[in-house]
Amino acid sequence: MTMKDECVTDCRPAIQLQHYSQSEAKALRSIYNYYRGDDNDASTSVICLAAINDLGRNHHERSRMKIAMEEFHQSSRETSANSESTSKIAVDTKSTSFLLILDAGRKLLSLEHKAGQENKEENEDDLTSQKYHFLRLLHEYQTRCNAEGKYLLAKEFVEHELRLRKEEEERQVVEVKRKHNRNRSKISVAHTEQMEEFRETWDKFMDDFEQKSQDYVKEINDEHQRQLSSLRQSMTDSMNTKPIKWSRDLIQYRKRQQLMADQHRYHEAQQTKLAGDALEEKEREDVAFKLKSSLERRERTLKGQQQTEMDVLMKRIESKRREYARQSEEDCARLLQRNKNIQATIDSKHVSSPVYMFLIICPSCVNGS
């Protein structure tokens, strides 16, 4: 193989593949050149089979890529026309077919992976696995070329590996940041929902507390009204049932009145009776006034006791209200701090150097550099 043949990869126009990047396509051309060797007439199928055995990560992938190769050849036989071409054109055509076959195989595998995997994370993990496998292969090809004395091809594989590793490192940087931002966004949404639930719970608790407080205040007011009604009824019953203690003067008037009536001194008895009635009315008014004053005094005393009881109750309610409000603020602050700590922990665990992670996962790439 001449130097011109070995370096032909970089001189050919790039072909746009759907499932391989431009850098990967260049690396695949070097793989094609490795298996073609000096034989420009080497069968594309033979070269594809050799490459497929390396590129497939397992038996299933190799078998699917072979199916894609057979389908490609069948399609080519049906659509392509026979035409004469120079040796160089034939080489270009074969290498292009090689790339298209591998791209078709990757497409078939990609469709299977998307159909069989449930989320984007799994697809991303599979893509990362493919990238690492491809880089390890490039390192193996470089090692083979060194052993076989194909130093220019070895140089190409080193360059491909370095270039693809750099691209993968850059992709990892973007991917890790994307995952980190997505995780932060999910956690932020979860924290927002948690905070809303926290506030709703506390609002419901405080609504229940206020309702129970109002019910208790109403119950105490009703009890106070019953006490006042009972006091008034008791005083009224006492006034109606307890005999009035008349004064000595009124008693003397009634005795003289009765004596004069017995002696048929009716005129004097009538005068005495009128004087006694006036005195009795006055004494009844005095008794009623004293009873009213006593009732008012006892009502004031009872109302004072009731107001003191109500004040104590309202202070207890207000104290509990402030205590619950303070507890709510403290719980809210603890929850916010906890969420901040979670975010800080996630940020601290965020891989600030995806390149380092990449080198740990793909150690063979370090040796290849």
Foldseek 3Di string as FASTA:
>chain_A
DDPCLQPVLVVDDFDDFDQDDSLVLSVLLLLLCVVCPPPLPDDLLVSLLVVLVQLDPDPVLSVLLNVLLVVLVVVCVVPPDDDDDDSVVSSVVSSVSSSHSNSSSSVVVLVVQVVPDDDPVSSVVVVVVSLLSSLLVLLVVLVVCVVVVVNSSNVVSLVSSVVSLVVVQVVLQVVLVVVLVVVVVVLVVVLVVVLVVLVVVLVVVVVVLVVVLVVVLVVLVVVLVVVLVVLVVVLVVCVVPPDDDDDPVLVVLVVVLVVCVVVVVNVVSVVSVVVSVVSVVVSVVVVVVVSVVVSVVVNVVSVVVSVVVSVVSVVVSVVVVVVSVVVSVVVSVVSVVVSVVVSVVSVVPRPPRSSVVVCVVNVSSVVSD
